[in-house]
PDB file of all heavy atoms in Angstrom:
ATOM      1  N   PHE A   1     115.149 108.928  46.112  1.00  0.00           N
ATOM      2  CA  PHE A   1     116.032 109.688  47.006  1.00  0.00           C
ATOM      3  C   PHE A   1     115.313 110.978  47.374  1.00  0.00           C
ATOM      4  O   PHE A   1     114.990 111.784  46.512  1.00  0.00           O
ATOM      5  CB  PHE A   1     117.335 109.959  46.250  1.00  0.00           C
ATOM      6  CG  PHE A   1     118.336 110.830  46.938  1.00  0.00           C
ATOM      7  CD1 PHE A   1     118.694 110.619  48.256  1.00  0.00           C
ATOM      8  CD2 PHE A   1     118.959 111.848  46.243  1.00  0.00           C
ATOM      9  CE1 PHE A   1     119.643 111.414  48.881  1.00  0.00           C
ATOM     10  CE2 PHE A   1     119.915 112.641  46.843  1.00  0.00           C
ATOM     11  CZ  PHE A   1     120.249 112.422  48.162  1.00  0.00           C
ATOM     12  N   SER A   2     115.001 111.138  48.642  1.00  0.00           N
ATOM     13  CA  SER A   2     114.247 112.310  49.084  1.00  0.00           C
ATOM     14  C   SER A   2     114.587 112.601  50.542  1.00  0.00           C
ATOM     15  O   SER A   2     115.572 112.106  51.057  1.00  0.00           O
ATOM     16  CB  SER A   2     112.746 112.060  48.910  1.00  0.00           C
ATOM     17  OG  SER A   2     112.018 113.262  49.077  1.00  0.00           O
ATOM     18  N   TYR A   3     113.757 113.394  51.189  1.00  0.00           N
ATOM     19  CA  TYR A   3     113.959 113.681  52.610  1.00  0.00           C
ATOM     20  C   TYR A   3     112.652 113.423  53.352  1.00  0.00           C
ATOM     21  O   TYR A   3     111.574 113.416  52.762  1.00  0.00           O
ATOM     22  CB  TYR A   3     114.443 115.115  52.830  1.00  0.00           C
ATOM     23  CG  TYR A   3     113.551 116.169  52.242  1.00  0.00           C
ATOM     24  CD1 TYR A   3     112.495 116.700  52.969  1.00  0.00           C
ATOM     25  CD2 TYR A   3     113.755 116.631  50.953  1.00  0.00           C
ATOM     26  CE1 TYR A   3     111.667 117.659  52.424  1.00  0.00           C
ATOM     27  CE2 TYR A   3     112.939 117.591  50.395  1.00  0.00           C
ATOM     28  CZ  TYR A   3     111.893 118.109  51.133  1.00  0.00           C
ATOM     29  OH  TYR A   3     111.065 119.054  50.589  1.00  0.00           O
ATOM     30  N   ILE A   4     112.776 113.182  54.653  1.00  0.00           N
ATOM     31  CA  ILE A   4     111.608 112.826  55.458  1.00  0.00           C
ATOM     32  C   ILE A   4     111.862 113.267  56.896  1.00  0.00           C
ATOM     33  O   ILE A   4     113.006 113.395  57.330  1.00  0.00           O
ATOM     34  CB  ILE A   4     111.341 111.301  55.374  1.00  0.00           C
ATOM     35  CG1 ILE A   4     109.980 110.926  55.914  1.00  0.00           C
ATOM     36  CG2 ILE A   4     112.444 110.526  56.074  1.00  0.00           C
ATOM     37  CD1 ILE A   4     109.566 109.501  55.591  1.00  0.00           C
ATOM     38  N   ASP A   5     110.786 113.498  57.630  1.00  0.00           N
ATOM     39  CA  ASP A   5     110.892 113.862  59.040  1.00  0.00           C
ATOM     40  C   ASP A   5     111.539 112.731  59.832  1.00  0.00           C
ATOM     41  O   ASP A   5     111.267 111.554  59.580  1.00  0.00           O
ATOM     42  CB  ASP A   5     109.510 114.145  59.636  1.00  0.00           C
ATOM     43  CG  ASP A   5     108.856 115.375  59.055  1.00  0.00           C
ATOM     44  OD1 ASP A   5     109.533 116.131  58.328  1.00  0.00           O
ATOM     45  OD2 ASP A   5     107.664 115.591  59.326  1.00  0.00           O
ATOM     46  N   VAL A   6     112.338 113.083  60.801  1.00  0.00           N
ATOM     47  CA  VAL A   6     113.042 112.066  61.585  1.00  0.00           C
ATOM     48  C   VAL A   6     112.142 111.370  62.606  1.00  0.00           C
ATOM     49  O   VAL A   6     112.604 110.488  63.315  1.00  0.00           O
ATOM     50  CB  VAL A   6     114.291 112.634  62.300  1.00  0.00           C
ATOM     51  CG1 VAL A   6     115.317 113.105  61.297  1.00  0.00           C
ATOM     52  CG2 VAL A   6     113.918 113.735  63.261  1.00  0.00           C
ATOM     53  N   ILE A   7     110.870 111.703  62.635  1.00  0.00           N
ATOM     54  CA  ILE A   7     109.949 111.023  63.550  1.00  0.00           C
ATOM     55  C   ILE A   7     109.617 109.615  63.060  1.00  0.00           C
ATOM     56  O   ILE A   7     109.071 108.812  63.797  1.00  0.00           O
ATOM     57  CB  ILE A   7     108.646 111.833  63.753  1.00  0.00           C
ATOM     58  CG1 ILE A   7     107.895 112.003  62.436  1.00  0.00           C
ATOM     59  CG2 ILE A   7     108.936 113.159  64.415  1.00  0.00           C
ATOM     60  CD1 ILE A   7     106.509 112.587  62.568  1.00  0.00           C
ATOM     61  N   PHE A   8     109.963 109.301  61.808  1.00  0.00           N
ATOM     62  CA  PHE A   8     109.664 107.994  61.245  1.00  0.00           C
ATOM     63  C   PHE A   8     110.780 107.008  61.547  1.00  0.00           C
ATOM     64  O   PHE A   8     111.924 107.380  61.778  1.00  0.00           O
ATOM     65  CB  PHE A   8     109.440 108.103  59.728  1.00  0.00           C
ATOM     66  CG  PHE A   8     108.234 108.914  59.373  1.00  0.00           C
ATOM     67  CD1 PHE A   8     108.373 110.233  58.976  1.00  0.00           C
ATOM     68  CD2 PHE A   8     106.970 108.378  59.459  1.00  0.00           C
ATOM     69  CE1 PHE A   8     107.273 111.001  58.658  1.00  0.00           C
ATOM     70  CE2 PHE A   8     105.851 109.137  59.151  1.00  0.00           C
ATOM     71  CZ  PHE A   8     106.008 110.453  58.753  1.00  0.00           C
ATOM     72  N   THR A   9     110.435 105.726  61.529  1.00  0.00           N
ATOM     73  CA  THR A   9     111.401 104.668  61.755  1.00  0.00           C
ATOM     74  C   THR A   9     111.913 104.184  60.408  1.00  0.00           C
ATOM     75  O   THR A   9     111.145 103.688  59.600  1.00  0.00           O
ATOM     76  CB  THR A   9     110.752 103.484  62.507  1.00  0.00           C
ATOM     77  OG1 THR A   9     110.210 103.967  63.726  1.00  0.00           O
ATOM     78  CG2 THR A   9     111.749 102.396  62.784  1.00  0.00           C
ATOM     79  N   ASN A  10     113.176 104.354  60.157  1.00  0.00           N
ATOM     80  CA  ASN A  10     113.813 103.892  58.926  1.00  0.00           C
ATOM     81  C   ASN A  10     114.976 102.986  59.268  1.00  0.00           C
ATOM     82  O   ASN A  10     115.451 102.953  60.392  1.00  0.00           O
ATOM     83  CB  ASN A  10     114.319 105.077  58.092  1.00  0.00           C
ATOM     84  CG  ASN A  10     113.198 105.888  57.484  1.00  0.00           C
ATOM     85  OD1 ASN A  10     112.073 105.432  57.374  1.00  0.00           O
ATOM     86  ND2 ASN A  10     113.510 107.092  57.085  1.00  0.00           N
ATOM     87  N   GLY A  11     115.467 102.270  58.264  1.00  0.00           N
ATOM     88  CA  GLY A  11     116.615 101.410  58.447  1.00  0.00           C
ATOM     89  C   GLY A  11     117.911 102.159  58.198  1.00  0.00           C
ATOM     90  O   GLY A  11     117.911 103.359  57.911  1.00  0.00           O
ATOM     91  N   VAL A  12     119.009 101.455  58.311  1.00  0.00           N
ATOM     92  CA  VAL A  12     120.321 102.020  58.004  1.00  0.00           C
ATOM     93  C   VAL A  12     121.081 101.037  57.119  1.00  0.00           C
ATOM     94  O   VAL A  12     120.827  99.839  57.148  1.00  0.00           O
ATOM     95  CB  VAL A  12     121.156 102.327  59.274  1.00  0.00           C
ATOM     96  CG1 VAL A  12     120.496 103.405  60.099  1.00  0.00           C
ATOM     97  CG2 VAL A  12     121.393 101.089  60.102  1.00  0.00           C
ATOM     98  N   ARG A  13     121.973 101.566  56.320  1.00  0.00           N
ATOM     99  CA  ARG A  13     122.895 100.763  55.522  1.00  0.00           C
ATOM    100  C   ARG A  13     124.281 101.290  55.830  1.00  0.00           C
ATOM    101  O   ARG A  13     124.693 102.305  55.289  1.00  0.00           O
ATOM    102  CB  ARG A  13     122.563 100.864  54.044  1.00  0.00           C
ATOM    103  CG  ARG A  13     121.162 100.279  53.759  1.00  0.00           C
ATOM    104  CD  ARG A  13     120.925 100.065  52.326  1.00  0.00           C
ATOM    105  NE  ARG A  13     121.582  98.830  51.916  1.00  0.00           N
ATOM    106  CZ  ARG A  13     121.421  98.304  50.709  1.00  0.00           C
ATOM    107  NH1 ARG A  13     120.670  98.883  49.826  1.00  0.00           N
ATOM    108  NH2 ARG A  13     122.041  97.206  50.394  1.00  0.00           N
ATOM    109  N   PRO A  14     125.002 100.645  56.715  1.00  0.00           N
ATOM    110  CA  PRO A  14     126.309 101.146  57.132  1.00  0.00           C
ATOM    111  C   PRO A  14     127.312 101.162  55.985  1.00  0.00           C
ATOM    112  O   PRO A  14     127.187 100.410  55.026  1.00  0.00           O
ATOM    113  CB  PRO A  14     126.756 100.172  58.211  1.00  0.00           C
ATOM    114  CG  PRO A  14     125.723  99.139  58.333  1.00  0.00           C
ATOM    115  CD  PRO A  14     124.646  99.402  57.357  1.00  0.00           C
ATOM    116  N   SER A  15     128.300 102.027  56.117  1.00  0.00           N
ATOM    117  CA  SER A  15     129.374 102.089  55.127  1.00  0.00           C
ATOM    118  C   SER A  15     130.704 102.291  55.840  1.00  0.00           C
ATOM    119  O   SER A  15     130.744 102.757  56.973  1.00  0.00           O
ATOM    120  CB  SER A  15     129.130 103.229  54.139  1.00  0.00           C
ATOM    121  OG  SER A  15     129.195 104.479  54.790  1.00  0.00           O
ATOM    122  N   ILE A  16     131.765 101.909  55.162  1.00  0.00           N
ATOM    123  CA  ILE A  16     133.108 102.125  55.682  1.00  0.00           C
ATOM    124  C   ILE A  16     133.923 102.838  54.603  1.00  0.00           C
ATOM    125  O   ILE A  16     133.638 102.707  53.418  1.00  0.00           O
ATOM    126  CB  ILE A  16     133.810 100.813  56.098  1.00  0.00           C
ATOM    127  CG1 ILE A  16     133.921  99.848  54.914  1.00  0.00           C
ATOM    128  CG2 ILE A  16     133.098 100.160  57.263  1.00  0.00           C
ATOM    129  CD1 ILE A  16     134.743  98.611  55.184  1.00  0.00           C
ATOM    130  N   SER A  17     134.897 103.596  55.012  1.00  0.00           N
ATOM    131  CA  SER A  17     135.800 104.267  54.074  1.00  0.00           C
ATOM    132  C   SER A  17     137.134 103.545  54.096  1.00  0.00           C
ATOM    133  O   SER A  17     137.626 103.158  55.156  1.00  0.00           O
ATOM    134  CB  SER A  17     135.996 105.731  54.474  1.00  0.00           C
ATOM    135  OG  SER A  17     134.787 106.422  54.360  1.00  0.00           O
ATOM    136  N   LEU A  18     137.712 103.369  52.917  1.00  0.00           N
ATOM    137  CA  LEU A  18     138.978 102.654  52.803  1.00  0.00           C
ATOM    138  C   LEU A  18     140.066 103.585  52.290  1.00  0.00           C
ATOM    139  O   LEU A  18     139.799 104.486  51.498  1.00  0.00           O
ATOM    140  CB  LEU A  18     138.825 101.480  51.823  1.00  0.00           C
ATOM    141  CG  LEU A  18     137.732 100.472  52.157  1.00  0.00           C
ATOM    142  CD1 LEU A  18     137.584  99.470  51.021  1.00  0.00           C
ATOM    143  CD2 LEU A  18     138.044  99.763  53.453  1.00  0.00           C
ATOM    144  N   LYS A  19     141.297 103.349  52.716  1.00  0.00           N
ATOM    145  CA  LYS A  19     142.432 104.101  52.202  1.00  0.00           C
ATOM    146  C   LYS A  19     142.639 103.749  50.732  1.00  0.00           C
ATOM    147  O   LYS A  19     142.331 102.639  50.297  1.00  0.00           O
ATOM    148  CB  LYS A  19     143.696 103.757  52.986  1.00  0.00           C
ATOM    149  CG  LYS A  19     143.659 104.201  54.426  1.00  0.00           C
ATOM    150  CD  LYS A  19     144.942 103.805  55.128  1.00  0.00           C
ATOM    151  CE  LYS A  19     144.893 104.214  56.580  1.00  0.00           C
ATOM    152  NZ  LYS A  19     146.116 103.826  57.289  1.00  0.00           N
ATOM    153  N   SER A  20     143.182 104.672  49.978  1.00  0.00           N
ATOM    154  CA  SER A  20     143.401 104.441  48.547  1.00  0.00           C
ATOM    155  C   SER A  20     144.389 103.310  48.284  1.00  0.00           C
ATOM    156  O   SER A  20     144.411 102.738  47.208  1.00  0.00           O
ATOM    157  CB  SER A  20     143.886 105.721  47.872  1.00  0.00           C
ATOM    158  OG  SER A  20     145.113 106.127  48.436  1.00  0.00           O
ATOM    159  N   THR A  21     145.187 102.958  49.269  1.00  0.00           N
ATOM    160  CA  THR A  21     146.170 101.880  49.104  1.00  0.00           C
ATOM    161  C   THR A  21     145.588 100.500  49.404  1.00  0.00           C
ATOM    162  O   THR A  21     146.282  99.495  49.270  1.00  0.00           O
ATOM    163  CB  THR A  21     147.371 102.118  50.035  1.00  0.00           C
ATOM    164  OG1 THR A  21     146.902 102.227  51.381  1.00  0.00           O
ATOM    165  CG2 THR A  21     148.116 103.386  49.646  1.00  0.00           C
ATOM    166  N   THR A  22     144.321 100.447  49.783  1.00  0.00           N
ATOM    167  CA  THR A  22     143.677  99.175  50.095  1.00  0.00           C
ATOM    168  C   THR A  22     143.438  98.396  48.810  1.00  0.00           C
ATOM    169  O   THR A  22     142.961  98.940  47.817  1.00  0.00           O
ATOM    170  CB  THR A  22     142.339  99.417  50.811  1.00  0.00           C
ATOM    171  OG1 THR A  22     142.582 100.194  51.987  1.00  0.00           O
ATOM    172  CG2 THR A  22     141.674  98.118  51.200  1.00  0.00           C
ATOM    173  N   ASN A  23     143.751  97.108  48.823  1.00  0.00           N
ATOM    174  CA  ASN A  23     143.537  96.232  47.671  1.00  0.00           C
ATOM    175  C   ASN A  23     142.134  95.642  47.764  1.00  0.00           C
ATOM    176  O   ASN A  23     141.789  95.000  48.754  1.00  0.00           O
ATOM    177  CB  ASN A  23     144.595  95.130  47.638  1.00  0.00           C
ATOM    178  CG  ASN A  23     144.472  94.269  46.409  1.00  0.00           C
ATOM    179  OD1 ASN A  23     144.078  94.742  45.350  1.00  0.00           O
ATOM    180  ND2 ASN A  23     144.819  93.009  46.550  1.00  0.00           N
ATOM    181  N   VAL A  24     141.323  95.874  46.730  1.00  0.00           N
ATOM    182  CA  VAL A  24     139.953  95.373  46.709  1.00  0.00           C
ATOM    183  C   VAL A  24     139.760  94.556  45.445  1.00  0.00           C
ATOM    184  O   VAL A  24     140.040  95.013  44.341  1.00  0.00           O
ATOM    185  CB  VAL A  24     138.937  96.536  46.734  1.00  0.00           C
ATOM    186  CG1 VAL A  24     137.509  96.005  46.701  1.00  0.00           C
ATOM    187  CG2 VAL A  24     139.159  97.417  47.953  1.00  0.00           C
TER     188      VAL A  24
END
């Protein structure tokens, strides 16, 4: 886990937020 210049091409890992009442 670090930081890097945004000139590089990186991937993404999308995320979603759920309400506390959501059954998982």
